[in-house]
Amino acid sequence: MQHLSRRRRPRASGPGSSYVTFSLDSEGRVRTIEISRSSGSARFDRDAVKFVDRASPFPAPPPGVSRTFTVEIKGR
């Protein structure tokens, strides 16, 4: 998602990535958020969730389009 690519990624203590699944309401606000695949680091996973949550609000999705997304958050 282009909206997330403009944000500063969370710092990670090593290589790895988390997959975060989230859903938006009709106005682009995050409604649900969870780790769908862990990086193996609880701290990095928490930071990945915060990263997506802080990016809210997203641009409002068009009517009829899925509002659930999964993104990979990579460590630095």
Foldseek 3Di string as FASTA:
>chain_A
DVLLVVDDADADPDWFKWKKKFFADQAQATDDIDTPGDRPDPVNRVRRRVSVNVSPRDHGDDPPDGRMDIDIRIHD
